């Protein structure tokens, strides 16, 4: 007896087509997907066409200078991500060696995460469990949340602008942001820099400084400083913000504890205001729906125990959280 169409579908589908489709969506185009997969563009186009024929749905709208995913394509992509996440866990779930803890940890993180406490946790865990392997991928905070939601990574380290439903988040550490100019800036060698000195100065900004974003407090700090009304440079990467500050594209914000080394090296200098600086939480994010491997469960348990024992004040970097309106954080000497 012939099976109905819906029952025949999983048996007839080439699962490699789903992987290709995911890359097309992730890379926002056929040509970029081809480069990522190491294939020729016609091969990727043909794979997409075969998948659309198999599903009976248009998945991607392809026009000159336009790329968009249809509602059917979005639904398929969400399911593909879940499938990919489950399959990626199989090696760790099957690795049940009773002698030593084995497995793989995939950690998606935003750029320039600097935490001595997390580094200590990672070091101790790596020494205690030498058979566990690690993969770190660096991306924007929004994409980190997406990867954890779609079960494509074990852990995420990122900023959050609001509580994310269906995910667990604990504060990994807190950091204070200050404003900086580079050594090429005319004020760099001034005996003292005042707010009047930097009024209407050009600035560079993080993309997540928009209203409601996780770094909205930085835009408020910039307003207090009286900088220009619109940015001269923008990036989602802390390293690129740092580059533009040093190149004197504009004054920009950096986490104080991250900037300290460049300050000591004479590459950047903190500018006012020095008090009531914005504090930002960096979170460790996990998906409670993920079927954790033994290695993932052990690492999460270690993080929870170690972070709980340290306390949040000790994990607050680059500023004194008790500063009041009349107190001032002095710039590094």
C-alpha atoms as a PDB file:
ATOM      1  CA  UNK A   1       0.000   0.000   0.000  1.00  0.00           C
ATOM      2  CA  UNK A   2       1.324   3.381  -0.983  1.00  0.00           C
ATOM      3  CA  UNK A   3       2.030   5.797   1.888  1.00  0.00           C
ATOM      4  CA  UNK A   4       0.293   9.207   1.947  1.00  0.00           C
ATOM      5  CA  UNK A   5       2.367  12.214   0.853  1.00  0.00           C
ATOM      6  CA  UNK A   6       3.094  13.446   4.399  1.00  0.00           C
ATOM      7  CA  UNK A   7       4.370  10.019   5.433  1.00  0.00           C
ATOM      8  CA  UNK A   8       6.462   9.624   2.262  1.00  0.00           C
ATOM      9  CA  UNK A   9       8.077  13.059   2.706  1.00  0.00           C
ATOM     10  CA  UNK A  10      10.744  12.148   5.340  1.00  0.00           C
ATOM     11  CA  UNK A  11      11.730   9.023   3.403  1.00  0.00           C
ATOM     12  CA  UNK A  12      12.110  10.833   0.082  1.00  0.00           C
ATOM     13  CA  UNK A  13      13.804  13.994   1.378  1.00  0.00           C
ATOM     14  CA  UNK A  14      17.551  14.380   0.898  1.00  0.00           C
ATOM     15  CA  UNK A  15      18.635  15.634   4.332  1.00  0.00           C
ATOM     16  CA  UNK A  16      21.717  17.335   2.866  1.00  0.00           C
ATOM     17  CA  UNK A  17      19.338  19.790   1.208  1.00  0.00           C
ATOM     18  CA  UNK A  18      18.253  21.017   4.644  1.00  0.00           C
ATOM     19  CA  UNK A  19      21.857  21.725   5.604  1.00  0.00           C
ATOM     20  CA  UNK A  20      22.393  23.667   2.373  1.00  0.00           C
ATOM     21  CA  UNK A  21      19.174  25.609   2.963  1.00  0.00           C
ATOM     22  CA  UNK A  22      20.319  26.600   6.470  1.00  0.00           C
ATOM     23  CA  UNK A  23      23.587  27.958   5.116  1.00  0.00           C
ATOM     24  CA  UNK A  24      21.765  29.915   2.388  1.00  0.00           C
ATOM     25  CA  UNK A  25      19.600  31.614   5.020  1.00  0.00           C
ATOM     26  CA  UNK A  26      22.507  32.173   7.418  1.00  0.00           C
ATOM     27  CA  UNK A  27      24.654  33.712   4.675  1.00  0.00           C
ATOM     28  CA  UNK A  28      21.774  35.689   3.164  1.00  0.00           C
ATOM     29  CA  UNK A  29      22.478  34.586  -0.386  1.00  0.00           C
ATOM     30  CA  UNK A  30      23.344  31.806  -2.833  1.00  0.00           C
ATOM     31  CA  UNK A  31      26.850  33.001  -3.710  1.00  0.00           C
ATOM     32  CA  UNK A  32      27.939  33.474  -0.077  1.00  0.00           C
ATOM     33  CA  UNK A  33      26.491  30.074   0.791  1.00  0.00           C
ATOM     34  CA  UNK A  34      28.458  28.528  -2.061  1.00  0.00           C
ATOM     35  CA  UNK A  35      31.677  30.076  -0.747  1.00  0.00           C
ATOM     36  CA  UNK A  36      30.943  28.807   2.764  1.00  0.00           C
ATOM     37  CA  UNK A  37      30.189  25.274   1.561  1.00  0.00           C
ATOM     38  CA  UNK A  38      33.037  25.185  -0.950  1.00  0.00           C
ATOM     39  CA  UNK A  39      30.620  24.524  -3.803  1.00  0.00           C
ATOM     40  CA  UNK A  40      29.823  26.217  -7.108  1.00  0.00           C
ATOM     41  CA  UNK A  41      26.899  28.635  -7.167  1.00  0.00           C
ATOM     42  CA  UNK A  42      24.821  26.579  -9.692  1.00  0.00           C
ATOM     43  CA  UNK A  43      25.153  23.547  -7.387  1.00  0.00           C
ATOM     44  CA  UNK A  44      23.717  25.468  -4.435  1.00  0.00           C
ATOM     45  CA  UNK A  45      20.949  26.959  -6.600  1.00  0.00           C
ATOM     46  CA  UNK A  46      20.040  23.480  -7.834  1.00  0.00           C
ATOM     47  CA  UNK A  47      19.934  22.167  -4.257  1.00  0.00           C
ATOM     48  CA  UNK A  48      17.529  24.931  -3.245  1.00  0.00           C
ATOM     49  CA  UNK A  49      15.335  24.205  -6.259  1.00  0.00           C
ATOM     50  CA  UNK A  50      15.217  20.491  -5.383  1.00  0.00           C
ATOM     51  CA  UNK A  51      14.232  21.305  -1.790  1.00  0.00           C
ATOM     52  CA  UNK A  52      11.461  23.626  -2.966  1.00  0.00           C
ATOM     53  CA  UNK A  53      10.206  20.904  -5.287  1.00  0.00           C
ATOM     54  CA  UNK A  54      10.288  18.371  -2.442  1.00  0.00           C
ATOM     55  CA  UNK A  55       8.354  20.640  -0.078  1.00  0.00           C
ATOM     56  CA  UNK A  56       6.067  22.096  -2.718  1.00  0.00           C
ATOM     57  CA  UNK A  57       6.736  25.565  -1.316  1.00  0.00           C
ATOM     58  CA  UNK A  58       8.737  28.592  -2.354  1.00  0.00           C
ATOM     59  CA  UNK A  59      11.303  29.065   0.402  1.00  0.00           C
ATOM     60  CA  UNK A  60      13.457  31.949  -0.818  1.00  0.00           C
ATOM     61  CA  UNK A  61      12.536  35.008  -2.884  1.00  0.00           C
ATOM     62  CA  UNK A  62      15.424  35.639  -5.244  1.00  0.00           C
ATOM     63  CA  UNK A  63      15.465  38.839  -7.272  1.00  0.00           C
ATOM     64  CA  UNK A  64      18.270  41.219  -8.322  1.00  0.00           C
ATOM     65  CA  UNK A  65      19.471  43.056  -5.181  1.00  0.00           C
ATOM     66  CA  UNK A  66      16.845  41.305  -3.045  1.00  0.00           C
ATOM     67  CA  UNK A  67      16.976  38.297  -0.764  1.00  0.00           C
ATOM     68  CA  UNK A  68      14.149  37.337   1.574  1.00  0.00           C
ATOM     69  CA  UNK A  69      12.847  34.192   3.223  1.00  0.00           C
ATOM     70  CA  UNK A  70       9.176  33.329   2.778  1.00  0.00           C
ATOM     71  CA  UNK A  71       6.966  32.382   5.723  1.00  0.00           C
ATOM     72  CA  UNK A  72       7.264  28.746   4.675  1.00  0.00           C
ATOM     73  CA  UNK A  73      11.030  29.160   4.503  1.00  0.00           C
ATOM     74  CA  UNK A  74      11.131  30.717   7.964  1.00  0.00           C
ATOM     75  CA  UNK A  75       9.121  27.834   9.406  1.00  0.00           C
ATOM     76  CA  UNK A  76      11.412  25.299   7.733  1.00  0.00           C
ATOM     77  CA  UNK A  77      14.536  27.124   8.899  1.00  0.00           C
ATOM     78  CA  UNK A  78      13.344  27.066  12.527  1.00  0.00           C
ATOM     79  CA  UNK A  79      12.776  23.313  12.330  1.00  0.00           C
ATOM     80  CA  UNK A  80      16.102  22.769  10.547  1.00  0.00           C
ATOM     81  CA  UNK A  81      17.884  24.612  13.356  1.00  0.00           C
ATOM     82  CA  UNK A  82      16.309  22.281  15.902  1.00  0.00           C
ATOM     83  CA  UNK A  83      17.263  19.232  13.843  1.00  0.00           C
ATOM     84  CA  UNK A  84      20.816  20.531  13.469  1.00  0.00           C
ATOM     85  CA  UNK A  85      21.066  21.163  17.212  1.00  0.00           C
ATOM     86  CA  UNK A  86      19.877  17.649  18.028  1.00  0.00           C
ATOM     87  CA  UNK A  87      22.194  15.983  15.533  1.00  0.00           C
ATOM     88  CA  UNK A  88      25.177  18.039  16.695  1.00  0.00           C
ATOM     89  CA  UNK A  89      24.663  16.638  20.205  1.00  0.00           C
ATOM     90  CA  UNK A  90      24.725  12.984  19.159  1.00  0.00           C
ATOM     91  CA  UNK A  91      28.507  12.437  19.468  1.00  0.00           C
ATOM     92  CA  UNK A  92      28.518  13.808  23.020  1.00  0.00           C
ATOM     93  CA  UNK A  93      25.365  11.935  24.023  1.00  0.00           C
ATOM     94  CA  UNK A  94      26.800   8.657  22.723  1.00  0.00           C
ATOM     95  CA  UNK A  95      30.176   9.211  24.414  1.00  0.00           C
ATOM     96  CA  UNK A  96      29.453   7.324  27.632  1.00  0.00           C
ATOM     97  CA  UNK A  97      32.967   6.300  28.655  1.00  0.00           C
ATOM     98  CA  UNK A  98      32.643   5.486  32.344  1.00  0.00           C
ATOM     99  CA  UNK A  99      36.304   6.158  33.112  1.00  0.00           C
ATOM    100  CA  UNK A 100      36.745   9.839  32.267  1.00  0.00           C
ATOM    101  CA  UNK A 101      34.271  12.591  31.457  1.00  0.00           C
ATOM    102  CA  UNK A 102      34.237  13.070  27.714  1.00  0.00           C
ATOM    103  CA  UNK A 103      32.275  15.272  25.352  1.00  0.00           C
ATOM    104  CA  UNK A 104      32.268  18.598  23.547  1.00  0.00           C
ATOM    105  CA  UNK A 105      31.268  22.108  24.655  1.00  0.00           C
ATOM    106  CA  UNK A 106      30.224  24.642  22.016  1.00  0.00           C
ATOM    107  CA  UNK A 107      30.171  28.193  23.356  1.00  0.00           C
ATOM    108  CA  UNK A 108      28.744  31.114  21.374  1.00  0.00           C
ATOM    109  CA  UNK A 109      30.028  34.439  22.674  1.00  0.00           C
ATOM    110  CA  UNK A 110      29.923  38.129  21.926  1.00  0.00           C
ATOM    111  CA  UNK A 111      33.241  39.840  21.170  1.00  0.00           C
ATOM    112  CA  UNK A 112      35.894  40.738  23.778  1.00  0.00           C
ATOM    113  CA  UNK A 113      34.447  38.903  26.743  1.00  0.00           C
ATOM    114  CA  UNK A 114      37.045  39.446  29.460  1.00  0.00           C
ATOM    115  CA  UNK A 115      36.410  37.751  32.791  1.00  0.00           C
ATOM    116  CA  UNK A 116      39.199  36.385  34.985  1.00  0.00           C
ATOM    117  CA  UNK A 117      36.625  34.414  36.948  1.00  0.00           C
ATOM    118  CA  UNK A 118      35.214  32.658  33.879  1.00  0.00           C
ATOM    119  CA  UNK A 119      38.762  31.975  32.685  1.00  0.00           C
ATOM    120  CA  UNK A 120      39.536  30.384  36.064  1.00  0.00           C
ATOM    121  CA  UNK A 121      36.418  28.200  35.842  1.00  0.00           C
ATOM    122  CA  UNK A 122      37.317  27.133  32.299  1.00  0.00           C
ATOM    123  CA  UNK A 123      40.919  26.386  33.306  1.00  0.00           C
ATOM    124  CA  UNK A 124      39.946  24.275  36.323  1.00  0.00           C
ATOM    125  CA  UNK A 125      37.366  22.348  34.304  1.00  0.00           C
ATOM    126  CA  UNK A 126      39.819  21.718  31.465  1.00  0.00           C
ATOM    127  CA  UNK A 127      42.446  20.428  33.894  1.00  0.00           C
ATOM    128  CA  UNK A 128      39.944  18.195  35.688  1.00  0.00           C
ATOM    129  CA  UNK A 129      38.483  16.765  32.460  1.00  0.00           C
ATOM    130  CA  UNK A 130      41.216  16.524  29.787  1.00  0.00           C
ATOM    131  CA  UNK A 131      39.024  14.486  27.407  1.00  0.00           C
ATOM    132  CA  UNK A 132      36.473  17.301  26.929  1.00  0.00           C
ATOM    133  CA  UNK A 133      36.880  19.448  23.797  1.00  0.00           C
ATOM    134  CA  UNK A 134      35.764  23.042  23.164  1.00  0.00           C
ATOM    135  CA  UNK A 135      34.637  25.266  20.302  1.00  0.00           C
ATOM    136  CA  UNK A 136      34.126  29.030  20.674  1.00  0.00           C
ATOM    137  CA  UNK A 137      32.274  31.057  18.025  1.00  0.00           C
ATOM    138  CA  UNK A 138      32.174  34.868  18.167  1.00  0.00           C
ATOM    139  CA  UNK A 139      29.053  36.666  16.982  1.00  0.00           C
ATOM    140  CA  UNK A 140      26.631  39.414  17.983  1.00  0.00           C
ATOM    141  CA  UNK A 141      24.609  39.078  21.199  1.00  0.00           C
ATOM    142  CA  UNK A 142      21.345  38.753  19.263  1.00  0.00           C
ATOM    143  CA  UNK A 143      22.797  35.869  17.259  1.00  0.00           C
ATOM    144  CA  UNK A 144      24.108  34.234  20.433  1.00  0.00           C
ATOM    145  CA  UNK A 145      20.560  34.185  21.810  1.00  0.00           C
ATOM    146  CA  UNK A 146      19.287  32.747  18.508  1.00  0.00           C
ATOM    147  CA  UNK A 147      21.877  29.963  18.556  1.00  0.00           C
ATOM    148  CA  UNK A 148      20.971  28.982  22.117  1.00  0.00           C
ATOM    149  CA  UNK A 149      17.233  29.170  21.365  1.00  0.00           C
ATOM    150  CA  UNK A 150      17.733  26.935  18.332  1.00  0.00           C
ATOM    151  CA  UNK A 151      19.836  24.466  20.320  1.00  0.00           C
ATOM    152  CA  UNK A 152      22.896  25.096  18.138  1.00  0.00           C
ATOM    153  CA  UNK A 153      25.340  25.708  20.986  1.00  0.00           C
ATOM    154  CA  UNK A 154      25.851  24.434  24.521  1.00  0.00           C
ATOM    155  CA  UNK A 155      26.246  27.840  26.161  1.00  0.00           C
ATOM    156  CA  UNK A 156      26.008  31.505  25.224  1.00  0.00           C
ATOM    157  CA  UNK A 157      27.840  34.532  26.634  1.00  0.00           C
ATOM    158  CA  UNK A 158      26.212  37.822  25.691  1.00  0.00           C
ATOM    159  CA  UNK A 159      24.385  41.007  26.605  1.00  0.00           C
ATOM    160  CA  UNK A 160      20.622  40.957  27.077  1.00  0.00           C
ATOM    161  CA  UNK A 161      18.249  43.894  26.818  1.00  0.00           C
ATOM    162  CA  UNK A 162      15.398  41.923  28.393  1.00  0.00           C
ATOM    163  CA  UNK A 163      14.581  38.534  29.846  1.00  0.00           C
ATOM    164  CA  UNK A 164      14.378  35.881  27.128  1.00  0.00           C
ATOM    165  CA  UNK A 165      11.490  33.453  27.415  1.00  0.00           C
ATOM    166  CA  UNK A 166      12.343  29.750  27.547  1.00  0.00           C
ATOM    167  CA  UNK A 167      16.030  30.431  28.252  1.00  0.00           C
ATOM    168  CA  UNK A 168      17.949  30.556  31.509  1.00  0.00           C
ATOM    169  CA  UNK A 169      20.403  33.387  32.123  1.00  0.00           C
ATOM    170  CA  UNK A 170      22.767  34.054  35.011  1.00  0.00           C
ATOM    171  CA  UNK A 171      25.011  37.075  35.393  1.00  0.00           C
ATOM    172  CA  UNK A 172      28.535  35.992  34.484  1.00  0.00           C
ATOM    173  CA  UNK A 173      30.027  39.382  35.350  1.00  0.00           C
ATOM    174  CA  UNK A 174      29.339  43.116  35.289  1.00  0.00           C
ATOM    175  CA  UNK A 175      31.407  45.799  33.592  1.00  0.00           C
ATOM    176  CA  UNK A 176      31.476  49.589  33.621  1.00  0.00           C
ATOM    177  CA  UNK A 177      31.862  51.592  30.415  1.00  0.00           C
ATOM    178  CA  UNK A 178      33.813  54.822  30.013  1.00  0.00           C
ATOM    179  CA  UNK A 179      34.462  57.152  27.072  1.00  0.00           C
ATOM    180  CA  UNK A 180      37.878  57.194  25.392  1.00  0.00           C
ATOM    181  CA  UNK A 181      39.863  59.103  22.788  1.00  0.00           C
ATOM    182  CA  UNK A 182      42.872  57.769  20.928  1.00  0.00           C
ATOM    183  CA  UNK A 183      46.501  58.955  20.955  1.00  0.00           C
ATOM    184  CA  UNK A 184      45.895  60.764  17.635  1.00  0.00           C
ATOM    185  CA  UNK A 185      43.202  62.970  19.182  1.00  0.00           C
ATOM    186  CA  UNK A 186      44.251  66.636  19.744  1.00  0.00           C
ATOM    187  CA  UNK A 187      43.229  66.421  23.408  1.00  0.00           C
ATOM    188  CA  UNK A 188      45.183  63.260  24.181  1.00  0.00           C
ATOM    189  CA  UNK A 189      48.184  65.093  25.698  1.00  0.00           C
ATOM    190  CA  UNK A 190      46.183  67.842  27.403  1.00  0.00           C
ATOM    191  CA  UNK A 191      46.896  68.333  31.102  1.00  0.00           C
ATOM    192  CA  UNK A 192      43.176  67.991  31.807  1.00  0.00           C
ATOM    193  CA  UNK A 193      40.121  67.269  29.679  1.00  0.00           C
ATOM    194  CA  UNK A 194      36.783  68.835  30.592  1.00  0.00           C
ATOM    195  CA  UNK A 195      33.268  68.310  29.317  1.00  0.00           C
ATOM    196  CA  UNK A 196      33.502  71.649  27.514  1.00  0.00           C
ATOM    197  CA  UNK A 197      36.576  70.360  25.635  1.00  0.00           C
ATOM    198  CA  UNK A 198      34.716  67.401  24.099  1.00  0.00           C
ATOM    199  CA  UNK A 199      31.409  69.136  23.379  1.00  0.00           C
ATOM    200  CA  UNK A 200      30.152  68.251  19.868  1.00  0.00           C
ATOM    201  CA  UNK A 201      33.138  65.942  19.274  1.00  0.00           C
ATOM    202  CA  UNK A 202      32.463  63.134  16.748  1.00  0.00           C
ATOM    203  CA  UNK A 203      31.851  59.690  18.217  1.00  0.00           C
ATOM    204  CA  UNK A 204      31.743  56.013  17.270  1.00  0.00           C
ATOM    205  CA  UNK A 205      28.952  53.767  18.544  1.00  0.00           C
ATOM    206  CA  UNK A 206      27.905  50.174  19.056  1.00  0.00           C
ATOM    207  CA  UNK A 207      24.940  49.049  16.978  1.00  0.00           C
ATOM    208  CA  UNK A 208      23.207  47.898  20.175  1.00  0.00           C
ATOM    209  CA  UNK A 209      23.184  51.398  21.715  1.00  0.00           C
ATOM    210  CA  UNK A 210      19.747  52.095  20.229  1.00  0.00           C
ATOM    211  CA  UNK A 211      16.799  52.713  22.526  1.00  0.00           C
ATOM    212  CA  UNK A 212      15.813  49.461  24.163  1.00  0.00           C
ATOM    213  CA  UNK A 213      19.103  47.807  23.235  1.00  0.00           C
ATOM    214  CA  UNK A 214      21.457  46.218  25.769  1.00  0.00           C
ATOM    215  CA  UNK A 215      23.878  49.179  25.521  1.00  0.00           C
ATOM    216  CA  UNK A 216      21.290  51.960  25.621  1.00  0.00           C
ATOM    217  CA  UNK A 217      22.990  53.333  28.773  1.00  0.00           C
ATOM    218  CA  UNK A 218      26.049  54.230  26.674  1.00  0.00           C
ATOM    219  CA  UNK A 219      23.998  56.600  24.513  1.00  0.00           C
ATOM    220  CA  UNK A 220      22.852  58.277  27.720  1.00  0.00           C
ATOM    221  CA  UNK A 221      26.468  58.633  28.870  1.00  0.00           C
ATOM    222  CA  UNK A 222      27.344  60.157  25.504  1.00  0.00           C
ATOM    223  CA  UNK A 223      24.503  62.647  25.866  1.00  0.00           C
ATOM    224  CA  UNK A 224      25.888  63.675  29.261  1.00  0.00           C
ATOM    225  CA  UNK A 225      29.258  64.249  27.607  1.00  0.00           C
ATOM    226  CA  UNK A 226      27.649  66.489  24.980  1.00  0.00           C
ATOM    227  CA  UNK A 227      29.148  64.682  22.000  1.00  0.00           C
ATOM    228  CA  UNK A 228      27.864  65.184  18.444  1.00  0.00           C
ATOM    229  CA  UNK A 229      24.261  64.298  17.626  1.00  0.00           C
ATOM    230  CA  UNK A 230      25.045  61.529  15.140  1.00  0.00           C
ATOM    231  CA  UNK A 231      27.726  58.867  14.978  1.00  0.00           C
ATOM    232  CA  UNK A 232      30.707  58.998  12.661  1.00  0.00           C
ATOM    233  CA  UNK A 233      31.420  55.292  12.901  1.00  0.00           C
ATOM    234  CA  UNK A 234      29.390  52.257  13.987  1.00  0.00           C
ATOM    235  CA  UNK A 235      30.104  48.564  14.575  1.00  0.00           C
ATOM    236  CA  UNK A 236      28.793  45.549  16.451  1.00  0.00           C
ATOM    237  CA  UNK A 237      32.367  44.526  17.328  1.00  0.00           C
ATOM    238  CA  UNK A 238      34.166  45.915  20.361  1.00  0.00           C
ATOM    239  CA  UNK A 239      37.485  45.372  18.597  1.00  0.00           C
ATOM    240  CA  UNK A 240      36.388  47.556  15.686  1.00  0.00           C
ATOM    241  CA  UNK A 241      35.121  50.269  18.050  1.00  0.00           C
ATOM    242  CA  UNK A 242      38.549  50.160  19.677  1.00  0.00           C
ATOM    243  CA  UNK A 243      40.208  50.432  16.249  1.00  0.00           C
ATOM    244  CA  UNK A 244      38.146  53.512  15.320  1.00  0.00           C
ATOM    245  CA  UNK A 245      38.925  55.188  18.652  1.00  0.00           C
ATOM    246  CA  UNK A 246      42.657  54.657  18.111  1.00  0.00           C
ATOM    247  CA  UNK A 247      42.396  55.883  14.512  1.00  0.00           C
ATOM    248  CA  UNK A 248      40.691  59.064  15.792  1.00  0.00           C
ATOM    249  CA  UNK A 249      37.501  58.425  13.875  1.00  0.00           C
ATOM    250  CA  UNK A 250      35.758  59.527  17.046  1.00  0.00           C
ATOM    251  CA  UNK A 251      35.432  59.215  20.797  1.00  0.00           C
ATOM    252  CA  UNK A 252      33.903  55.909  21.836  1.00  0.00           C
ATOM    253  CA  UNK A 253      32.890  53.766  24.792  1.00  0.00           C
ATOM    254  CA  UNK A 254      34.810  50.732  26.025  1.00  0.00           C
ATOM    255  CA  UNK A 255      34.565  48.532  29.112  1.00  0.00           C
ATOM    256  CA  UNK A 256      37.000  50.083  31.585  1.00  0.00           C
ATOM    257  CA  UNK A 257      38.660  46.805  32.556  1.00  0.00           C
ATOM    258  CA  UNK A 258      39.141  45.918  28.876  1.00  0.00           C
ATOM    259  CA  UNK A 259      40.590  49.367  28.080  1.00  0.00           C
ATOM    260  CA  UNK A 260      43.117  49.373  30.945  1.00  0.00           C
ATOM    261  CA  UNK A 261      45.890  47.661  28.967  1.00  0.00           C
ATOM    262  CA  UNK A 262      45.585  50.124  26.079  1.00  0.00           C
ATOM    263  CA  UNK A 263      45.585  53.004  28.577  1.00  0.00           C
ATOM    264  CA  UNK A 264      48.793  51.764  30.173  1.00  0.00           C
ATOM    265  CA  UNK A 265      50.306  51.394  26.712  1.00  0.00           C
ATOM    266  CA  UNK A 266      49.518  55.024  25.878  1.00  0.00           C
ATOM    267  CA  UNK A 267      47.126  54.162  23.041  1.00  0.00           C
ATOM    268  CA  UNK A 268      43.908  55.615  24.482  1.00  0.00           C
ATOM    269  CA  UNK A 269      42.843  57.976  27.253  1.00  0.00           C
ATOM    270  CA  UNK A 270      39.649  58.162  29.231  1.00  0.00           C
ATOM    271  CA  UNK A 271      37.638  61.376  28.881  1.00  0.00           C
ATOM    272  CA  UNK A 272      34.855  62.735  31.115  1.00  0.00           C
ATOM    273  CA  UNK A 273      32.421  62.094  32.619  1.00  0.00           C
ATOM    274  CA  UNK A 274      34.189  59.876  35.149  1.00  0.00           C
ATOM    275  CA  UNK A 275      31.353  59.364  37.631  1.00  0.00           C
ATOM    276  CA  UNK A 276      28.040  57.496  37.507  1.00  0.00           C
ATOM    277  CA  UNK A 277      29.266  55.405  34.593  1.00  0.00           C
ATOM    278  CA  UNK A 278      26.900  52.887  32.988  1.00  0.00           C
ATOM    279  CA  UNK A 279      27.082  49.305  34.200  1.00  0.00           C
ATOM    280  CA  UNK A 280      26.251  46.409  31.879  1.00  0.00           C
ATOM    281  CA  UNK A 281      25.588  42.762  32.726  1.00  0.00           C
ATOM    282  CA  UNK A 282      27.180  39.968  30.709  1.00  0.00           C
ATOM    283  CA  UNK A 283      25.145  36.767  30.926  1.00  0.00           C
ATOM    284  CA  UNK A 284      25.772  33.060  30.659  1.00  0.00           C
ATOM    285  CA  UNK A 285      22.749  31.750  28.733  1.00  0.00           C
ATOM    286  CA  UNK A 286      21.512  28.164  28.483  1.00  0.00           C
ATOM    287  CA  UNK A 287      18.518  26.369  26.999  1.00  0.00           C
ATOM    288  CA  UNK A 288      16.684  24.249  29.607  1.00  0.00           C
ATOM    289  CA  UNK A 289      15.040  22.270  26.801  1.00  0.00           C
ATOM    290  CA  UNK A 290      18.427  21.059  25.555  1.00  0.00           C
ATOM    291  CA  UNK A 291      19.236  17.467  26.356  1.00  0.00           C
ATOM    292  CA  UNK A 292      22.620  18.072  27.907  1.00  0.00           C
ATOM    293  CA  UNK A 293      25.515  15.699  27.567  1.00  0.00           C
ATOM    294  CA  UNK A 294      27.387  14.676  30.707  1.00  0.00           C
ATOM    295  CA  UNK A 295      30.119  17.205  29.856  1.00  0.00           C
ATOM    296  CA  UNK A 296      27.621  20.041  29.362  1.00  0.00           C
ATOM    297  CA  UNK A 297      25.787  19.231  32.584  1.00  0.00           C
ATOM    298  CA  UNK A 298      29.054  19.055  34.520  1.00  0.00           C
ATOM    299  CA  UNK A 299      30.291  22.367  33.121  1.00  0.00           C
ATOM    300  CA  UNK A 300      27.011  24.146  33.906  1.00  0.00           C
ATOM    301  CA  UNK A 301      27.031  22.734  37.426  1.00  0.00           C
ATOM    302  CA  UNK A 302      30.609  23.931  37.875  1.00  0.00           C
ATOM    303  CA  UNK A 303      29.741  27.425  36.638  1.00  0.00           C
ATOM    304  CA  UNK A 304      26.736  27.692  38.946  1.00  0.00           C
ATOM    305  CA  UNK A 305      28.729  26.541  41.977  1.00  0.00           C
ATOM    306  CA  UNK A 306      31.791  28.704  41.284  1.00  0.00           C
ATOM    307  CA  UNK A 307      29.867  31.863  40.402  1.00  0.00           C
ATOM    308  CA  UNK A 308      27.614  31.433  43.403  1.00  0.00           C
ATOM    309  CA  UNK A 309      30.633  31.176  45.687  1.00  0.00           C
ATOM    310  CA  UNK A 310      32.371  34.246  44.233  1.00  0.00           C
ATOM    311  CA  UNK A 311      29.558  36.769  44.576  1.00  0.00           C
ATOM    312  CA  UNK A 312      28.512  39.473  42.149  1.00  0.00           C
ATOM    313  CA  UNK A 313      30.497  42.354  43.687  1.00  0.00           C
ATOM    314  CA  UNK A 314      33.769  40.525  43.081  1.00  0.00           C
ATOM    315  CA  UNK A 315      32.635  39.820  39.530  1.00  0.00           C
ATOM    316  CA  UNK A 316      32.057  43.522  38.845  1.00  0.00           C
ATOM    317  CA  UNK A 317      34.927  44.964  36.808  1.00  0.00           C
ATOM    318  CA  UNK A 318      36.151  48.436  35.990  1.00  0.00           C
ATOM    319  CA  UNK A 319      34.342  50.572  38.507  1.00  0.00           C
ATOM    320  CA  UNK A 320      33.001  50.928  41.981  1.00  0.00           C
ATOM    321  CA  UNK A 321      29.285  50.094  41.974  1.00  0.00           C
ATOM    322  CA  UNK A 322      28.864  52.179  45.123  1.00  0.00           C
ATOM    323  CA  UNK A 323      29.949  55.468  43.515  1.00  0.00           C
ATOM    324  CA  UNK A 324      27.579  58.288  44.363  1.00  0.00           C
ATOM    325  CA  UNK A 325      26.844  61.579  42.585  1.00  0.00           C
ATOM    326  CA  UNK A 326      29.540  63.425  44.548  1.00  0.00           C
ATOM    327  CA  UNK A 327      32.261  60.833  43.978  1.00  0.00           C
ATOM    328  CA  UNK A 328      34.495  60.601  40.946  1.00  0.00           C
ATOM    329  CA  UNK A 329      36.409  57.768  39.370  1.00  0.00           C
ATOM    330  CA  UNK A 330      39.859  59.110  38.584  1.00  0.00           C
ATOM    331  CA  UNK A 331      41.280  58.273  35.157  1.00  0.00           C
ATOM    332  CA  UNK A 332      44.109  55.741  35.097  1.00  0.00           C
ATOM    333  CA  UNK A 333      47.541  57.254  35.551  1.00  0.00           C
END
